[in-house]
Amino acid sequence: MLKSQSDLKRVGPIFDTVYAGIPVSKQSGDAKYWVEAVNSLIKDGTWQKILAKYGVEEVAIDRSELNPAKG
């Protein structure tokens, strides 16, 4: 949003982050493939390039996990 709307400006650091994910049906069993795909993007540098395109490199994750917020 900051890049596309010139009247908006970030005025300070990011204080909090939240887990976000890709919703996948539990019955499908496909979630593990999404984890593998995202980890592949992280490993080859594509993930960082995507984040850089939108100016949000500081929210990069080191690895994808299956439901890390579940506790």
N, C-alpha and C. Protein backbone atom coordinates (compact mmCIF):
# COMPACT_ATOMS: atom_id res chain seq x y z
N MET A 1 0.82 -1.19 0.00
CA MET A 1 0.00 0.00 0.00
C MET A 1 0.86 1.25 0.00
N LEU A 2 2.00 1.20 0.70
CA LEU A 2 2.84 2.39 0.77
C LEU A 2 3.38 2.79 -0.59
N LYS A 3 3.68 1.81 -1.42
CA LYS A 3 4.20 2.11 -2.75
C LYS A 3 3.12 2.61 -3.70
N SER A 4 1.92 2.10 -3.56
CA SER A 4 0.87 2.44 -4.51
C SER A 4 0.06 3.68 -4.11
N GLN A 5 0.15 4.09 -2.86
CA GLN A 5 -0.60 5.26 -2.40
C GLN A 5 0.38 6.28 -1.82
N SER A 6 0.73 7.28 -2.61
CA SER A 6 1.77 8.23 -2.24
C SER A 6 1.43 9.07 -1.01
N ASP A 7 0.18 9.14 -0.63
CA ASP A 7 -0.18 9.94 0.54
C ASP A 7 0.00 9.17 1.86
N LEU A 8 0.37 7.90 1.80
CA LEU A 8 0.62 7.11 3.00
C LEU A 8 2.11 7.02 3.26
N LYS A 9 2.49 7.07 4.55
CA LYS A 9 3.90 6.94 4.92
C LYS A 9 4.01 6.09 6.18
N ARG A 10 5.02 5.25 6.23
CA ARG A 10 5.30 4.50 7.45
C ARG A 10 6.02 5.44 8.39
N VAL A 11 5.56 5.54 9.61
CA VAL A 11 6.12 6.51 10.54
C VAL A 11 6.89 5.87 11.69
N GLY A 12 7.03 4.60 11.69
CA GLY A 12 7.77 3.94 12.78
C GLY A 12 8.00 2.49 12.48
N PRO A 13 8.64 1.80 13.40
CA PRO A 13 8.94 0.39 13.21
C PRO A 13 7.69 -0.49 13.36
N ILE A 14 7.80 -1.71 12.90
CA ILE A 14 6.74 -2.70 13.11
C ILE A 14 6.94 -3.27 14.51
N PHE A 15 5.92 -3.17 15.35
CA PHE A 15 6.02 -3.62 16.73
C PHE A 15 5.52 -5.03 16.95
N ASP A 16 4.65 -5.48 16.11
CA ASP A 16 4.02 -6.78 16.34
C ASP A 16 3.83 -7.48 15.01
N THR A 17 3.91 -8.77 15.04
CA THR A 17 3.64 -9.57 13.85
C THR A 17 2.62 -10.63 14.21
N VAL A 18 1.99 -11.17 13.21
CA VAL A 18 1.01 -12.22 13.41
C VAL A 18 1.29 -13.34 12.43
N TYR A 19 0.87 -14.52 12.80
CA TYR A 19 0.98 -15.64 11.88
C TYR A 19 -0.09 -15.49 10.80
N ALA A 20 0.29 -15.76 9.59
CA ALA A 20 -0.65 -15.77 8.48
C ALA A 20 -0.41 -17.06 7.72
N GLY A 21 -1.39 -17.48 6.98
CA GLY A 21 -1.20 -18.75 6.31
C GLY A 21 -2.03 -18.89 5.06
N ILE A 22 -1.95 -20.07 4.52
CA ILE A 22 -2.69 -20.43 3.32
C ILE A 22 -3.74 -21.45 3.77
N PRO A 23 -5.01 -21.11 3.72
CA PRO A 23 -6.02 -22.07 4.16
C PRO A 23 -6.14 -23.24 3.19
N VAL A 24 -6.06 -24.43 3.74
CA VAL A 24 -6.15 -25.66 2.95
C VAL A 24 -7.04 -26.63 3.71
N SER A 25 -7.90 -27.32 3.02
CA SER A 25 -8.78 -28.30 3.64
C SER A 25 -7.97 -29.35 4.39
N LYS A 26 -8.34 -29.61 5.64
CA LYS A 26 -7.66 -30.65 6.42
C LYS A 26 -7.82 -32.01 5.77
N GLN A 27 -8.94 -32.24 5.13
CA GLN A 27 -9.20 -33.53 4.50
C GLN A 27 -8.33 -33.77 3.26
N SER A 28 -7.87 -32.71 2.62
CA SER A 28 -7.13 -32.88 1.37
C SER A 28 -5.74 -33.45 1.59
N GLY A 29 -5.12 -33.16 2.73
CA GLY A 29 -3.76 -33.61 2.97
C GLY A 29 -2.72 -32.82 2.19
N ASP A 30 -3.13 -31.72 1.55
CA ASP A 30 -2.22 -30.95 0.70
C ASP A 30 -1.38 -29.91 1.46
N ALA A 31 -1.65 -29.68 2.71
CA ALA A 31 -0.95 -28.63 3.45
C ALA A 31 0.56 -28.82 3.43
N LYS A 32 1.01 -30.06 3.55
CA LYS A 32 2.46 -30.31 3.57
C LYS A 32 3.12 -29.87 2.27
N TYR A 33 2.39 -29.96 1.17
CA TYR A 33 2.96 -29.53 -0.12
C TYR A 33 3.10 -28.02 -0.19
N TRP A 34 2.18 -27.29 0.43
CA TRP A 34 2.29 -25.84 0.49
C TRP A 34 3.50 -25.44 1.34
N VAL A 35 3.69 -26.13 2.45
CA VAL A 35 4.86 -25.86 3.30
C VAL A 35 6.14 -26.08 2.49
N GLU A 36 6.21 -27.19 1.77
CA GLU A 36 7.39 -27.49 0.94
C GLU A 36 7.59 -26.43 -0.14
N ALA A 37 6.50 -25.99 -0.76
CA ALA A 37 6.60 -25.00 -1.83
C ALA A 37 7.13 -23.67 -1.30
N VAL A 38 6.58 -23.21 -0.19
CA VAL A 38 7.04 -21.94 0.38
C VAL A 38 8.49 -22.06 0.82
N ASN A 39 8.86 -23.18 1.43
CA ASN A 39 10.26 -23.36 1.84
C ASN A 39 11.19 -23.38 0.63
N SER A 40 10.74 -23.90 -0.47
CA SER A 40 11.53 -23.88 -1.70
C SER A 40 11.75 -22.44 -2.18
N LEU A 41 10.68 -21.62 -2.11
CA LEU A 41 10.80 -20.20 -2.49
C LEU A 41 11.77 -19.47 -1.56
N ILE A 42 11.74 -19.80 -0.29
CA ILE A 42 12.66 -19.18 0.67
C ILE A 42 14.09 -19.59 0.34
N LYS A 43 14.29 -20.87 0.12
CA LYS A 43 15.63 -21.41 -0.12
C LYS A 43 16.27 -20.82 -1.37
N ASP A 44 15.52 -20.65 -2.45
CA ASP A 44 16.13 -20.17 -3.70
C ASP A 44 16.13 -18.65 -3.84
N GLY A 45 15.62 -17.93 -2.81
CA GLY A 45 15.66 -16.48 -2.82
C GLY A 45 14.45 -15.80 -3.44
N THR A 46 13.54 -16.58 -4.01
CA THR A 46 12.36 -15.99 -4.64
C THR A 46 11.47 -15.29 -3.62
N TRP A 47 11.34 -15.86 -2.44
CA TRP A 47 10.50 -15.28 -1.38
C TRP A 47 10.96 -13.86 -1.06
N GLN A 48 12.28 -13.69 -0.88
CA GLN A 48 12.83 -12.37 -0.56
C GLN A 48 12.58 -11.39 -1.70
N LYS A 49 12.68 -11.85 -2.94
CA LYS A 49 12.43 -10.97 -4.09
C LYS A 49 10.97 -10.51 -4.12
N ILE A 50 10.06 -11.41 -3.79
CA ILE A 50 8.63 -11.05 -3.76
C ILE A 50 8.39 -10.00 -2.69
N LEU A 51 8.94 -10.21 -1.50
CA LEU A 51 8.77 -9.24 -0.42
C LEU A 51 9.41 -7.90 -0.77
N ALA A 52 10.57 -7.93 -1.42
CA ALA A 52 11.25 -6.70 -1.81
C ALA A 52 10.42 -5.91 -2.81
N LYS A 53 9.74 -6.59 -3.69
CA LYS A 53 8.90 -5.92 -4.68
C LYS A 53 7.87 -5.02 -4.00
N TYR A 54 7.38 -5.45 -2.85
CA TYR A 54 6.36 -4.69 -2.13
C TYR A 54 6.93 -3.91 -0.95
N GLY A 55 8.26 -3.92 -0.80
CA GLY A 55 8.90 -3.15 0.26
C GLY A 55 8.63 -3.65 1.66
N VAL A 56 8.45 -4.96 1.81
CA VAL A 56 8.15 -5.51 3.13
C VAL A 56 9.14 -6.62 3.52
N GLU A 57 10.39 -6.42 3.17
CA GLU A 57 11.41 -7.43 3.46
C GLU A 57 11.53 -7.75 4.94
N GLU A 58 11.22 -6.77 5.79
CA GLU A 58 11.38 -6.98 7.23
C GLU A 58 10.41 -8.01 7.82
N VAL A 59 9.41 -8.42 7.07
CA VAL A 59 8.48 -9.43 7.58
C VAL A 59 8.81 -10.83 7.07
N ALA A 60 9.98 -10.99 6.47
CA ALA A 60 10.37 -12.29 5.92
C ALA A 60 10.41 -13.36 7.01
N ILE A 61 10.02 -14.54 6.64
CA ILE A 61 10.12 -15.69 7.54
C ILE A 61 11.32 -16.52 7.13
N ASP A 62 11.91 -17.25 8.08
CA ASP A 62 13.05 -18.11 7.80
C ASP A 62 12.64 -19.46 7.24
N ARG A 63 11.42 -19.88 7.61
CA ARG A 63 10.92 -21.17 7.14
C ARG A 63 9.41 -21.21 7.28
N SER A 64 8.79 -22.03 6.47
CA SER A 64 7.36 -22.25 6.54
C SER A 64 7.11 -23.47 7.42
N GLU A 65 6.05 -23.42 8.22
CA GLU A 65 5.70 -24.54 9.09
C GLU A 65 4.21 -24.82 8.97
N LEU A 66 3.84 -26.03 9.29
CA LEU A 66 2.44 -26.42 9.30
C LEU A 66 1.84 -25.98 10.64
N ASN A 67 0.99 -24.96 10.59
CA ASN A 67 0.29 -24.42 11.75
C ASN A 67 1.18 -24.15 12.96
N PRO A 68 2.16 -23.23 12.83
CA PRO A 68 3.04 -22.93 13.95
C PRO A 68 2.34 -22.23 15.11
N ALA A 69 1.18 -21.63 14.86
CA ALA A 69 0.46 -20.92 15.93
C ALA A 69 -0.32 -21.88 16.82
N LYS A 70 -0.49 -23.11 16.37
CA LYS A 70 -1.25 -24.09 17.15
C LYS A 70 -0.45 -24.45 18.38
N GLY A 71 -1.07 -24.38 19.52
CA GLY A 71 -0.29 -24.64 20.73
C GLY A 71 -1.03 -25.30 21.73
